[in-house]
């Protein structure tokens, strides 16, 4: 790849990122019509090929279909055979002191209402030992499938969604990875929409879809939904792209560095139970200017509410506000 091609690829990735953030913001605001109009505009500008498929890293030449035939992947049959064992273990662990499934942190911005909990068994090319220790049977079964572990740049996640939850429409980061759901507990009242099409979960039957297409979850039932989520590389992916994706699996440390850089922060540290962030020079200068102009000395965001702290103006009795007496000038 020459320099000009690399620069163009980088710029296009940035454009997709900002377009994606804008579309997500419209969805979060409850205005899907504006989100759709924005997606269509991006297609007209050549950012994406389809308004429903909005990967921020898009690899050309891969079959673009929202839902794939699960039978095309040998290991889906293996997972389905082991479904009774996986479900039995999950039912033994959930809602006990050993339960590692916790409210999601990284995907919390997608939750319009309700509760979405997750526990990663595998991510960033490594088994998560503490979680696997709680699900040893499941981990042992999955160890036999390199397509979702050592040969996958994605995750293996236990996902739990409570009644009343709405996970807003969103797209995965790349079209090079397909998402697999092994539904473990599927009560009534659930809706999964992929690229505008309603898809049904069936307990013990794998569902394979391309999550770079817009998808959304609504739970209007009365019991929790539990799904084992796995990722595998797109079957059309070539060897060079395959190796590149695997080499790009990031450590937690690398992800923290990216977090700081993307937000203009230069340092973070813990102080007791608090995490303190230090802005970089540019961000610090911008904030100092805004605070000086507005008189704001602090701010706290509480959901949709913002609590402002402002400098109090001098009182009438202070020297700064006292009018000069006769003879004073």
C-alpha atoms as a PDB file:
ATOM      1  CA  UNK A   1       0.000   0.000   0.000  1.00  0.00           C
ATOM      2  CA  UNK A   2       1.524   3.360  -1.050  1.00  0.00           C
ATOM      3  CA  UNK A   3       1.361   6.484   1.086  1.00  0.00           C
ATOM      4  CA  UNK A   4      -1.548   8.108  -0.775  1.00  0.00           C
ATOM      5  CA  UNK A   5      -3.614   4.918  -0.601  1.00  0.00           C
ATOM      6  CA  UNK A   6      -2.870   4.543   3.095  1.00  0.00           C
ATOM      7  CA  UNK A   7      -3.802   8.169   3.755  1.00  0.00           C
ATOM      8  CA  UNK A   8      -7.093   7.764   1.880  1.00  0.00           C
ATOM      9  CA  UNK A   9      -7.922   4.594   3.825  1.00  0.00           C
ATOM     10  CA  UNK A  10      -7.230   6.393   7.100  1.00  0.00           C
ATOM     11  CA  UNK A  11      -9.354   9.393   6.124  1.00  0.00           C
ATOM     12  CA  UNK A  12     -12.223   7.164   5.025  1.00  0.00           C
ATOM     13  CA  UNK A  13     -12.087   5.348   8.346  1.00  0.00           C
ATOM     14  CA  UNK A  14     -12.309   8.704  10.133  1.00  0.00           C
ATOM     15  CA  UNK A  15     -15.279   9.755   7.976  1.00  0.00           C
ATOM     16  CA  UNK A  16     -17.037   6.489   8.766  1.00  0.00           C
ATOM     17  CA  UNK A  17     -16.345   6.944  12.425  1.00  0.00           C
ATOM     18  CA  UNK A  18     -17.853  10.431  12.544  1.00  0.00           C
ATOM     19  CA  UNK A  19     -20.816   9.458  10.387  1.00  0.00           C
ATOM     20  CA  UNK A  20     -21.368   6.454  12.645  1.00  0.00           C
ATOM     21  CA  UNK A  21     -21.297   8.648  15.752  1.00  0.00           C
ATOM     22  CA  UNK A  22     -23.851  11.013  14.204  1.00  0.00           C
ATOM     23  CA  UNK A  23     -26.181   8.161  13.215  1.00  0.00           C
ATOM     24  CA  UNK A  24     -25.863   6.641  16.695  1.00  0.00           C
ATOM     25  CA  UNK A  25     -26.700  10.014  18.233  1.00  0.00           C
ATOM     26  CA  UNK A  26     -29.900  10.284  16.175  1.00  0.00           C
ATOM     27  CA  UNK A  27     -30.905   6.765  17.214  1.00  0.00           C
ATOM     28  CA  UNK A  28     -30.140   7.532  20.852  1.00  0.00           C
ATOM     29  CA  UNK A  29     -32.286  10.655  20.571  1.00  0.00           C
ATOM     30  CA  UNK A  30     -35.195   8.528  19.356  1.00  0.00           C
ATOM     31  CA  UNK A  31     -35.173   9.965  15.833  1.00  0.00           C
ATOM     32  CA  UNK A  32     -34.652   6.978  13.493  1.00  0.00           C
ATOM     33  CA  UNK A  33     -35.832   8.930  10.435  1.00  0.00           C
ATOM     34  CA  UNK A  34     -32.941  11.367  10.789  1.00  0.00           C
ATOM     35  CA  UNK A  35     -30.536   8.470  11.403  1.00  0.00           C
ATOM     36  CA  UNK A  36     -31.725   6.818   8.183  1.00  0.00           C
ATOM     37  CA  UNK A  37     -31.445  10.065   6.206  1.00  0.00           C
ATOM     38  CA  UNK A  38     -27.891  10.465   7.457  1.00  0.00           C
ATOM     39  CA  UNK A  39     -27.023   6.871   6.469  1.00  0.00           C
ATOM     40  CA  UNK A  40     -28.461   7.391   2.989  1.00  0.00           C
ATOM     41  CA  UNK A  41     -26.439  10.586   2.594  1.00  0.00           C
ATOM     42  CA  UNK A  42     -23.280   8.683   3.537  1.00  0.00           C
ATOM     43  CA  UNK A  43     -24.018   6.108   0.819  1.00  0.00           C
ATOM     44  CA  UNK A  44     -24.502   8.877  -1.742  1.00  0.00           C
ATOM     45  CA  UNK A  45     -21.071  10.215  -0.775  1.00  0.00           C
ATOM     46  CA  UNK A  46     -19.452   6.805  -1.216  1.00  0.00           C
ATOM     47  CA  UNK A  47     -18.797   6.208   2.471  1.00  0.00           C
ATOM     48  CA  UNK A  48     -20.672   2.883   2.509  1.00  0.00           C
ATOM     49  CA  UNK A  49     -22.366   0.676  -0.090  1.00  0.00           C
ATOM     50  CA  UNK A  50     -25.597   0.154   1.861  1.00  0.00           C
ATOM     51  CA  UNK A  51     -27.248   2.374   4.480  1.00  0.00           C
ATOM     52  CA  UNK A  52     -27.904  -0.651   6.686  1.00  0.00           C
ATOM     53  CA  UNK A  53     -24.295  -1.914   6.619  1.00  0.00           C
ATOM     54  CA  UNK A  54     -22.079   0.645   8.285  1.00  0.00           C
ATOM     55  CA  UNK A  55     -18.840  -0.987   9.433  1.00  0.00           C
ATOM     56  CA  UNK A  56     -16.211   1.563  10.370  1.00  0.00           C
ATOM     57  CA  UNK A  57     -13.643  -0.801   8.877  1.00  0.00           C
ATOM     58  CA  UNK A  58     -15.106  -2.128   5.634  1.00  0.00           C
ATOM     59  CA  UNK A  59     -13.208  -4.732   3.603  1.00  0.00           C
ATOM     60  CA  UNK A  60     -14.341  -4.932  -0.047  1.00  0.00           C
ATOM     61  CA  UNK A  61     -15.124  -8.235  -1.736  1.00  0.00           C
ATOM     62  CA  UNK A  62     -16.859  -9.979   1.176  1.00  0.00           C
ATOM     63  CA  UNK A  63     -20.366 -11.345   0.632  1.00  0.00           C
ATOM     64  CA  UNK A  64     -22.729  -8.792   2.163  1.00  0.00           C
ATOM     65  CA  UNK A  65     -25.719 -10.624   3.578  1.00  0.00           C
ATOM     66  CA  UNK A  66     -27.316  -9.929   6.957  1.00  0.00           C
ATOM     67  CA  UNK A  67     -27.966 -13.560   7.948  1.00  0.00           C
ATOM     68  CA  UNK A  68     -25.796 -16.546   7.004  1.00  0.00           C
ATOM     69  CA  UNK A  69     -26.557 -20.256   6.807  1.00  0.00           C
ATOM     70  CA  UNK A  70     -25.394 -21.746  10.118  1.00  0.00           C
ATOM     71  CA  UNK A  71     -24.847 -25.133   8.444  1.00  0.00           C
ATOM     72  CA  UNK A  72     -21.944 -23.615   6.506  1.00  0.00           C
ATOM     73  CA  UNK A  73     -19.889 -23.648   9.708  1.00  0.00           C
ATOM     74  CA  UNK A  74     -18.987 -27.114  11.022  1.00  0.00           C
ATOM     75  CA  UNK A  75     -18.817 -26.036  14.642  1.00  0.00           C
ATOM     76  CA  UNK A  76     -22.429 -24.819  14.851  1.00  0.00           C
ATOM     77  CA  UNK A  77     -23.554 -28.448  14.901  1.00  0.00           C
ATOM     78  CA  UNK A  78     -20.983 -29.183  17.605  1.00  0.00           C
ATOM     79  CA  UNK A  79     -22.233 -26.283  19.727  1.00  0.00           C
ATOM     80  CA  UNK A  80     -25.836 -27.366  19.286  1.00  0.00           C
ATOM     81  CA  UNK A  81     -24.958 -30.909  20.373  1.00  0.00           C
ATOM     82  CA  UNK A  82     -23.449 -29.475  23.544  1.00  0.00           C
ATOM     83  CA  UNK A  83     -26.242 -26.995  24.189  1.00  0.00           C
ATOM     84  CA  UNK A  84     -27.803 -29.070  27.027  1.00  0.00           C
ATOM     85  CA  UNK A  85     -24.486 -29.163  28.913  1.00  0.00           C
ATOM     86  CA  UNK A  86     -23.826 -25.444  28.409  1.00  0.00           C
ATOM     87  CA  UNK A  87     -27.318 -24.445  29.487  1.00  0.00           C
ATOM     88  CA  UNK A  88     -27.235 -26.695  32.548  1.00  0.00           C
ATOM     89  CA  UNK A  89     -23.973 -25.098  33.701  1.00  0.00           C
ATOM     90  CA  UNK A  90     -25.269 -21.583  33.086  1.00  0.00           C
ATOM     91  CA  UNK A  91     -28.426 -22.253  35.083  1.00  0.00           C
ATOM     92  CA  UNK A  92     -26.294 -23.547  37.975  1.00  0.00           C
ATOM     93  CA  UNK A  93     -24.141 -20.393  38.005  1.00  0.00           C
ATOM     94  CA  UNK A  94     -26.504 -17.502  37.307  1.00  0.00           C
ATOM     95  CA  UNK A  95     -27.853 -15.629  40.333  1.00  0.00           C
ATOM     96  CA  UNK A  96     -25.397 -17.316  42.715  1.00  0.00           C
ATOM     97  CA  UNK A  97     -22.370 -15.765  44.460  1.00  0.00           C
ATOM     98  CA  UNK A  98     -20.229 -17.272  41.682  1.00  0.00           C
ATOM     99  CA  UNK A  99     -22.144 -15.471  38.908  1.00  0.00           C
ATOM    100  CA  UNK A 100     -19.624 -13.347  36.896  1.00  0.00           C
ATOM    101  CA  UNK A 101     -22.208 -11.774  34.564  1.00  0.00           C
ATOM    102  CA  UNK A 102     -22.276  -8.040  35.296  1.00  0.00           C
ATOM    103  CA  UNK A 103     -23.854  -4.921  33.719  1.00  0.00           C
ATOM    104  CA  UNK A 104     -21.950  -4.088  30.554  1.00  0.00           C
ATOM    105  CA  UNK A 105     -19.565  -1.161  30.657  1.00  0.00           C
ATOM    106  CA  UNK A 106     -18.275  -0.900  27.093  1.00  0.00           C
ATOM    107  CA  UNK A 107     -21.707  -1.271  25.472  1.00  0.00           C
ATOM    108  CA  UNK A 108     -23.733   0.737  27.968  1.00  0.00           C
ATOM    109  CA  UNK A 109     -24.241   3.609  25.494  1.00  0.00           C
ATOM    110  CA  UNK A 110     -26.383   1.276  23.372  1.00  0.00           C
ATOM    111  CA  UNK A 111     -28.931   0.672  26.136  1.00  0.00           C
ATOM    112  CA  UNK A 112     -31.958   2.920  25.751  1.00  0.00           C
ATOM    113  CA  UNK A 113     -33.620   1.325  28.782  1.00  0.00           C
ATOM    114  CA  UNK A 114     -33.349  -1.810  30.885  1.00  0.00           C
ATOM    115  CA  UNK A 115     -30.331  -3.929  31.805  1.00  0.00           C
ATOM    116  CA  UNK A 116     -27.760  -5.739  29.666  1.00  0.00           C
ATOM    117  CA  UNK A 117     -25.220  -7.907  31.465  1.00  0.00           C
ATOM    118  CA  UNK A 118     -22.154  -9.645  30.051  1.00  0.00           C
ATOM    119  CA  UNK A 119     -19.199 -11.816  30.998  1.00  0.00           C
ATOM    120  CA  UNK A 120     -16.344 -12.425  28.547  1.00  0.00           C
ATOM    121  CA  UNK A 121     -14.884 -15.912  28.452  1.00  0.00           C
ATOM    122  CA  UNK A 122     -12.499 -14.998  25.630  1.00  0.00           C
ATOM    123  CA  UNK A 123     -11.353 -11.665  24.235  1.00  0.00           C
ATOM    124  CA  UNK A 124      -8.287 -10.011  22.701  1.00  0.00           C
ATOM    125  CA  UNK A 125      -6.857 -13.418  21.883  1.00  0.00           C
ATOM    126  CA  UNK A 126      -6.869 -14.630  25.495  1.00  0.00           C
ATOM    127  CA  UNK A 127      -9.055 -16.716  27.754  1.00  0.00           C
ATOM    128  CA  UNK A 128     -10.417 -14.731  30.664  1.00  0.00           C
ATOM    129  CA  UNK A 129      -9.437 -17.110  33.429  1.00  0.00           C
ATOM    130  CA  UNK A 130     -11.665 -15.775  36.194  1.00  0.00           C
ATOM    131  CA  UNK A 131     -14.795 -16.085  34.076  1.00  0.00           C
ATOM    132  CA  UNK A 132     -13.789 -19.451  32.614  1.00  0.00           C
ATOM    133  CA  UNK A 133     -13.316 -20.767  36.152  1.00  0.00           C
ATOM    134  CA  UNK A 134     -17.031 -20.145  36.711  1.00  0.00           C
ATOM    135  CA  UNK A 135     -17.991 -21.868  33.439  1.00  0.00           C
ATOM    136  CA  UNK A 136     -15.448 -24.721  33.119  1.00  0.00           C
ATOM    137  CA  UNK A 137     -17.733 -27.016  31.110  1.00  0.00           C
ATOM    138  CA  UNK A 138     -18.546 -24.301  28.597  1.00  0.00           C
ATOM    139  CA  UNK A 139     -14.897 -23.240  28.306  1.00  0.00           C
ATOM    140  CA  UNK A 140     -13.837 -26.855  27.755  1.00  0.00           C
ATOM    141  CA  UNK A 141     -16.345 -27.233  24.931  1.00  0.00           C
ATOM    142  CA  UNK A 142     -15.251 -24.005  23.273  1.00  0.00           C
ATOM    143  CA  UNK A 143     -11.553 -24.876  23.482  1.00  0.00           C
ATOM    144  CA  UNK A 144     -12.221 -27.432  20.758  1.00  0.00           C
ATOM    145  CA  UNK A 145     -13.286 -24.735  18.276  1.00  0.00           C
ATOM    146  CA  UNK A 146     -10.272 -22.717  17.071  1.00  0.00           C
ATOM    147  CA  UNK A 147     -12.500 -20.760  14.671  1.00  0.00           C
ATOM    148  CA  UNK A 148     -13.993 -18.874  17.630  1.00  0.00           C
ATOM    149  CA  UNK A 149     -10.858 -18.760  19.804  1.00  0.00           C
ATOM    150  CA  UNK A 150      -7.272 -18.801  18.542  1.00  0.00           C
ATOM    151  CA  UNK A 151      -8.314 -18.032  14.937  1.00  0.00           C
ATOM    152  CA  UNK A 152     -10.792 -15.318  15.856  1.00  0.00           C
ATOM    153  CA  UNK A 153     -10.144 -11.626  16.561  1.00  0.00           C
ATOM    154  CA  UNK A 154     -13.451 -11.381  18.431  1.00  0.00           C
ATOM    155  CA  UNK A 155     -15.036 -12.425  21.700  1.00  0.00           C
ATOM    156  CA  UNK A 156     -16.919 -15.195  23.460  1.00  0.00           C
ATOM    157  CA  UNK A 157     -19.458 -13.609  25.753  1.00  0.00           C
ATOM    158  CA  UNK A 158     -22.256 -14.736  28.041  1.00  0.00           C
ATOM    159  CA  UNK A 159     -24.984 -12.162  27.412  1.00  0.00           C
ATOM    160  CA  UNK A 160     -28.039 -11.615  29.619  1.00  0.00           C
ATOM    161  CA  UNK A 161     -30.840  -9.158  28.863  1.00  0.00           C
ATOM    162  CA  UNK A 162     -33.597  -8.354  31.327  1.00  0.00           C
ATOM    163  CA  UNK A 163     -37.288  -7.722  30.521  1.00  0.00           C
ATOM    164  CA  UNK A 164     -38.017  -4.175  29.416  1.00  0.00           C
ATOM    165  CA  UNK A 165     -34.610  -3.722  27.781  1.00  0.00           C
ATOM    166  CA  UNK A 166     -34.146  -1.938  24.468  1.00  0.00           C
ATOM    167  CA  UNK A 167     -30.716  -2.109  22.817  1.00  0.00           C
ATOM    168  CA  UNK A 168     -30.821   0.590  20.168  1.00  0.00           C
ATOM    169  CA  UNK A 169     -30.023   0.036  16.465  1.00  0.00           C
ATOM    170  CA  UNK A 170     -26.267  -0.180  15.950  1.00  0.00           C
ATOM    171  CA  UNK A 171     -23.601  -1.718  13.712  1.00  0.00           C
ATOM    172  CA  UNK A 172     -20.512  -3.755  14.527  1.00  0.00           C
ATOM    173  CA  UNK A 173     -17.050  -2.331  13.760  1.00  0.00           C
ATOM    174  CA  UNK A 174     -16.088  -4.558  10.806  1.00  0.00           C
ATOM    175  CA  UNK A 175     -17.643  -6.711   8.094  1.00  0.00           C
ATOM    176  CA  UNK A 176     -14.726  -9.140   8.356  1.00  0.00           C
ATOM    177  CA  UNK A 177     -16.206 -10.871  11.418  1.00  0.00           C
ATOM    178  CA  UNK A 178     -19.506 -12.721  11.698  1.00  0.00           C
ATOM    179  CA  UNK A 179     -21.423 -13.001  14.959  1.00  0.00           C
ATOM    180  CA  UNK A 180     -22.848 -16.285  16.239  1.00  0.00           C
ATOM    181  CA  UNK A 181     -25.591 -16.580  18.845  1.00  0.00           C
ATOM    182  CA  UNK A 182     -26.223 -19.833  20.672  1.00  0.00           C
ATOM    183  CA  UNK A 183     -29.528 -19.064  22.420  1.00  0.00           C
ATOM    184  CA  UNK A 184     -29.591 -20.679  25.859  1.00  0.00           C
ATOM    185  CA  UNK A 185     -32.708 -19.227  27.484  1.00  0.00           C
ATOM    186  CA  UNK A 186     -35.220 -17.520  25.180  1.00  0.00           C
ATOM    187  CA  UNK A 187     -38.560 -16.515  26.735  1.00  0.00           C
ATOM    188  CA  UNK A 188     -41.472 -14.970  24.867  1.00  0.00           C
ATOM    189  CA  UNK A 189     -41.528 -11.278  24.049  1.00  0.00           C
ATOM    190  CA  UNK A 190     -38.137 -10.959  22.331  1.00  0.00           C
ATOM    191  CA  UNK A 191     -37.391  -9.215  19.056  1.00  0.00           C
ATOM    192  CA  UNK A 192     -34.097  -9.236  17.166  1.00  0.00           C
ATOM    193  CA  UNK A 193     -34.040  -7.112  14.048  1.00  0.00           C
ATOM    194  CA  UNK A 194     -31.128  -7.416  11.587  1.00  0.00           C
ATOM    195  CA  UNK A 195     -31.088  -5.022   8.604  1.00  0.00           C
ATOM    196  CA  UNK A 196     -34.792  -4.397   9.016  1.00  0.00           C
ATOM    197  CA  UNK A 197     -35.653  -8.091   9.135  1.00  0.00           C
ATOM    198  CA  UNK A 198     -37.059  -9.743  12.235  1.00  0.00           C
ATOM    199  CA  UNK A 199     -34.996 -12.786  13.182  1.00  0.00           C
ATOM    200  CA  UNK A 200     -36.108 -15.403  15.669  1.00  0.00           C
ATOM    201  CA  UNK A 201     -33.949 -17.009  18.335  1.00  0.00           C
ATOM    202  CA  UNK A 202     -34.544 -20.711  18.945  1.00  0.00           C
ATOM    203  CA  UNK A 203     -33.080 -22.301  22.057  1.00  0.00           C
ATOM    204  CA  UNK A 204     -30.162 -24.582  21.179  1.00  0.00           C
ATOM    205  CA  UNK A 205     -30.007 -23.508  17.497  1.00  0.00           C
ATOM    206  CA  UNK A 206     -27.153 -21.305  16.295  1.00  0.00           C
ATOM    207  CA  UNK A 207     -27.890 -18.041  14.541  1.00  0.00           C
ATOM    208  CA  UNK A 208     -25.126 -16.557  12.359  1.00  0.00           C
ATOM    209  CA  UNK A 209     -25.392 -12.954  11.214  1.00  0.00           C
ATOM    210  CA  UNK A 210     -23.204 -10.125  10.009  1.00  0.00           C
ATOM    211  CA  UNK A 211     -23.348  -7.562  12.793  1.00  0.00           C
ATOM    212  CA  UNK A 212     -21.896  -4.840  10.562  1.00  0.00           C
ATOM    213  CA  UNK A 213     -25.526  -4.606   9.425  1.00  0.00           C
ATOM    214  CA  UNK A 214     -27.753  -2.544  11.673  1.00  0.00           C
ATOM    215  CA  UNK A 215     -29.327  -4.672  14.407  1.00  0.00           C
ATOM    216  CA  UNK A 216     -31.507  -4.025  17.433  1.00  0.00           C
ATOM    217  CA  UNK A 217     -32.907  -5.943  20.409  1.00  0.00           C
ATOM    218  CA  UNK A 218     -36.168  -5.395  22.285  1.00  0.00           C
ATOM    219  CA  UNK A 219     -37.315  -7.477  25.241  1.00  0.00           C
ATOM    220  CA  UNK A 220     -40.975  -7.082  26.125  1.00  0.00           C
ATOM    221  CA  UNK A 221     -41.234 -10.404  27.962  1.00  0.00           C
ATOM    222  CA  UNK A 222     -41.132 -11.286  31.650  1.00  0.00           C
ATOM    223  CA  UNK A 223     -37.989 -13.442  31.989  1.00  0.00           C
ATOM    224  CA  UNK A 224     -34.305 -12.864  31.259  1.00  0.00           C
ATOM    225  CA  UNK A 225     -32.842 -13.813  27.887  1.00  0.00           C
ATOM    226  CA  UNK A 226     -29.440 -15.567  27.947  1.00  0.00           C
ATOM    227  CA  UNK A 227     -27.336 -16.060  24.807  1.00  0.00           C
ATOM    228  CA  UNK A 228     -23.770 -17.278  24.275  1.00  0.00           C
ATOM    229  CA  UNK A 229     -22.149 -14.895  21.771  1.00  0.00           C
ATOM    230  CA  UNK A 230     -19.184 -15.924  19.619  1.00  0.00           C
ATOM    231  CA  UNK A 231     -17.278 -14.348  16.724  1.00  0.00           C
ATOM    232  CA  UNK A 232     -15.682 -15.973  13.706  1.00  0.00           C
ATOM    233  CA  UNK A 233     -13.955 -14.596  10.625  1.00  0.00           C
ATOM    234  CA  UNK A 234     -15.984 -14.081   7.461  1.00  0.00           C
ATOM    235  CA  UNK A 235     -15.550 -17.195   5.268  1.00  0.00           C
ATOM    236  CA  UNK A 236     -14.659 -15.067   2.213  1.00  0.00           C
ATOM    237  CA  UNK A 237     -11.726 -13.451   3.990  1.00  0.00           C
ATOM    238  CA  UNK A 238      -8.331 -13.902   2.318  1.00  0.00           C
ATOM    239  CA  UNK A 239      -5.179 -15.094   4.052  1.00  0.00           C
ATOM    240  CA  UNK A 240      -3.443 -11.693   4.254  1.00  0.00           C
ATOM    241  CA  UNK A 241      -6.482  -9.971   5.782  1.00  0.00           C
ATOM    242  CA  UNK A 242      -6.941 -12.943   8.112  1.00  0.00           C
ATOM    243  CA  UNK A 243      -3.412 -12.619   9.473  1.00  0.00           C
ATOM    244  CA  UNK A 244      -3.674  -8.846   9.746  1.00  0.00           C
ATOM    245  CA  UNK A 245      -6.853  -9.032  11.822  1.00  0.00           C
ATOM    246  CA  UNK A 246      -5.328 -11.562  14.192  1.00  0.00           C
ATOM    247  CA  UNK A 247      -2.194  -9.451  14.589  1.00  0.00           C
ATOM    248  CA  UNK A 248      -4.316  -6.449  15.510  1.00  0.00           C
ATOM    249  CA  UNK A 249      -5.858  -8.040  18.589  1.00  0.00           C
ATOM    250  CA  UNK A 250      -5.172  -5.459  21.257  1.00  0.00           C
ATOM    251  CA  UNK A 251      -4.232  -5.919  24.890  1.00  0.00           C
ATOM    252  CA  UNK A 252      -6.163  -4.104  27.613  1.00  0.00           C
ATOM    253  CA  UNK A 253      -3.200  -1.762  27.978  1.00  0.00           C
ATOM    254  CA  UNK A 254      -3.353  -0.836  24.276  1.00  0.00           C
ATOM    255  CA  UNK A 255      -7.092  -0.214  24.553  1.00  0.00           C
ATOM    256  CA  UNK A 256      -6.542   2.116  27.502  1.00  0.00           C
ATOM    257  CA  UNK A 257      -3.915   4.066  25.540  1.00  0.00           C
ATOM    258  CA  UNK A 258      -6.360   4.424  22.620  1.00  0.00           C
ATOM    259  CA  UNK A 259      -9.043   5.605  25.050  1.00  0.00           C
ATOM    260  CA  UNK A 260      -6.755   8.354  26.341  1.00  0.00           C
ATOM    261  CA  UNK A 261      -5.571   9.449  22.899  1.00  0.00           C
ATOM    262  CA  UNK A 262      -9.054   9.585  21.369  1.00  0.00           C
ATOM    263  CA  UNK A 263     -10.223  11.909  24.149  1.00  0.00           C
ATOM    264  CA  UNK A 264      -7.203  14.177  24.372  1.00  0.00           C
ATOM    265  CA  UNK A 265      -6.123  12.874  27.784  1.00  0.00           C
ATOM    266  CA  UNK A 266      -2.486  12.468  28.778  1.00  0.00           C
ATOM    267  CA  UNK A 267      -2.682  10.593  32.065  1.00  0.00           C
ATOM    268  CA  UNK A 268      -5.013   8.651  34.341  1.00  0.00           C
ATOM    269  CA  UNK A 269      -4.589   7.335  37.846  1.00  0.00           C
ATOM    270  CA  UNK A 270      -6.549   5.931  40.756  1.00  0.00           C
ATOM    271  CA  UNK A 271      -7.052   7.812  44.012  1.00  0.00           C
ATOM    272  CA  UNK A 272      -8.769   5.553  46.463  1.00  0.00           C
ATOM    273  CA  UNK A 273     -11.970   4.462  44.750  1.00  0.00           C
ATOM    274  CA  UNK A 274     -11.865   7.271  42.189  1.00  0.00           C
ATOM    275  CA  UNK A 275     -10.268   7.366  38.728  1.00  0.00           C
ATOM    276  CA  UNK A 276      -8.703  10.735  37.887  1.00  0.00           C
ATOM    277  CA  UNK A 277      -8.050  11.835  34.294  1.00  0.00           C
ATOM    278  CA  UNK A 278      -5.629  14.601  33.281  1.00  0.00           C
ATOM    279  CA  UNK A 279      -6.340  16.391  29.996  1.00  0.00           C
ATOM    280  CA  UNK A 280      -3.607  17.064  27.474  1.00  0.00           C
ATOM    281  CA  UNK A 281      -2.373  20.558  26.668  1.00  0.00           C
ATOM    282  CA  UNK A 282      -4.918  21.287  23.907  1.00  0.00           C
ATOM    283  CA  UNK A 283      -7.932  20.017  25.836  1.00  0.00           C
ATOM    284  CA  UNK A 284      -6.771  21.802  28.994  1.00  0.00           C
ATOM    285  CA  UNK A 285      -6.451  25.101  27.116  1.00  0.00           C
ATOM    286  CA  UNK A 286      -9.895  24.747  25.528  1.00  0.00           C
ATOM    287  CA  UNK A 287     -11.566  23.931  28.843  1.00  0.00           C
ATOM    288  CA  UNK A 288      -9.763  26.779  30.618  1.00  0.00           C
ATOM    289  CA  UNK A 289     -10.990  29.218  27.971  1.00  0.00           C
ATOM    290  CA  UNK A 290     -14.604  28.009  28.138  1.00  0.00           C
ATOM    291  CA  UNK A 291     -14.598  28.122  31.938  1.00  0.00           C
ATOM    292  CA  UNK A 292     -13.127  31.625  32.020  1.00  0.00           C
ATOM    293  CA  UNK A 293     -15.683  32.943  29.537  1.00  0.00           C
ATOM    294  CA  UNK A 294     -18.695  31.357  31.258  1.00  0.00           C
ATOM    295  CA  UNK A 295     -17.590  31.603  34.875  1.00  0.00           C
ATOM    296  CA  UNK A 296     -17.990  27.861  35.285  1.00  0.00           C
ATOM    297  CA  UNK A 297     -15.727  26.332  37.919  1.00  0.00           C
ATOM    298  CA  UNK A 298     -17.011  22.760  37.654  1.00  0.00           C
ATOM    299  CA  UNK A 299     -19.633  20.494  36.078  1.00  0.00           C
ATOM    300  CA  UNK A 300     -21.133  17.092  36.828  1.00  0.00           C
ATOM    301  CA  UNK A 301     -23.111  15.042  34.291  1.00  0.00           C
ATOM    302  CA  UNK A 302     -25.885  12.956  35.835  1.00  0.00           C
ATOM    303  CA  UNK A 303     -27.571  11.137  32.975  1.00  0.00           C
ATOM    304  CA  UNK A 304     -29.482  13.764  30.988  1.00  0.00           C
ATOM    305  CA  UNK A 305     -28.953  16.388  33.709  1.00  0.00           C
ATOM    306  CA  UNK A 306     -25.907  18.643  34.089  1.00  0.00           C
ATOM    307  CA  UNK A 307     -25.055  20.288  37.414  1.00  0.00           C
ATOM    308  CA  UNK A 308     -22.990  23.451  36.927  1.00  0.00           C
ATOM    309  CA  UNK A 309     -20.747  25.086  39.483  1.00  0.00           C
ATOM    310  CA  UNK A 310     -20.095  28.781  38.964  1.00  0.00           C
ATOM    311  CA  UNK A 311     -17.994  31.405  40.705  1.00  0.00           C
ATOM    312  CA  UNK A 312     -20.110  33.541  43.001  1.00  0.00           C
ATOM    313  CA  UNK A 313     -20.086  37.256  42.116  1.00  0.00           C
ATOM    314  CA  UNK A 314     -18.611  39.581  44.773  1.00  0.00           C
ATOM    315  CA  UNK A 315     -21.168  40.640  47.378  1.00  0.00           C
ATOM    316  CA  UNK A 316     -22.127  44.277  47.811  1.00  0.00           C
ATOM    317  CA  UNK A 317     -20.248  44.466  51.120  1.00  0.00           C
ATOM    318  CA  UNK A 318     -16.844  43.479  49.822  1.00  0.00           C
ATOM    319  CA  UNK A 319     -14.051  45.907  49.106  1.00  0.00           C
ATOM    320  CA  UNK A 320     -14.191  44.972  45.440  1.00  0.00           C
ATOM    321  CA  UNK A 321     -17.766  46.236  45.177  1.00  0.00           C
ATOM    322  CA  UNK A 322     -17.513  49.234  47.600  1.00  0.00           C
ATOM    323  CA  UNK A 323     -18.121  52.627  46.024  1.00  0.00           C
ATOM    324  CA  UNK A 324     -15.353  55.172  46.691  1.00  0.00           C
ATOM    325  CA  UNK A 325     -15.996  57.624  49.541  1.00  0.00           C
ATOM    326  CA  UNK A 326     -15.552  61.358  49.261  1.00  0.00           C
ATOM    327  CA  UNK A 327     -11.942  62.207  48.637  1.00  0.00           C
ATOM    328  CA  UNK A 328     -11.124  58.784  47.314  1.00  0.00           C
ATOM    329  CA  UNK A 329     -10.249  58.379  43.685  1.00  0.00           C
END
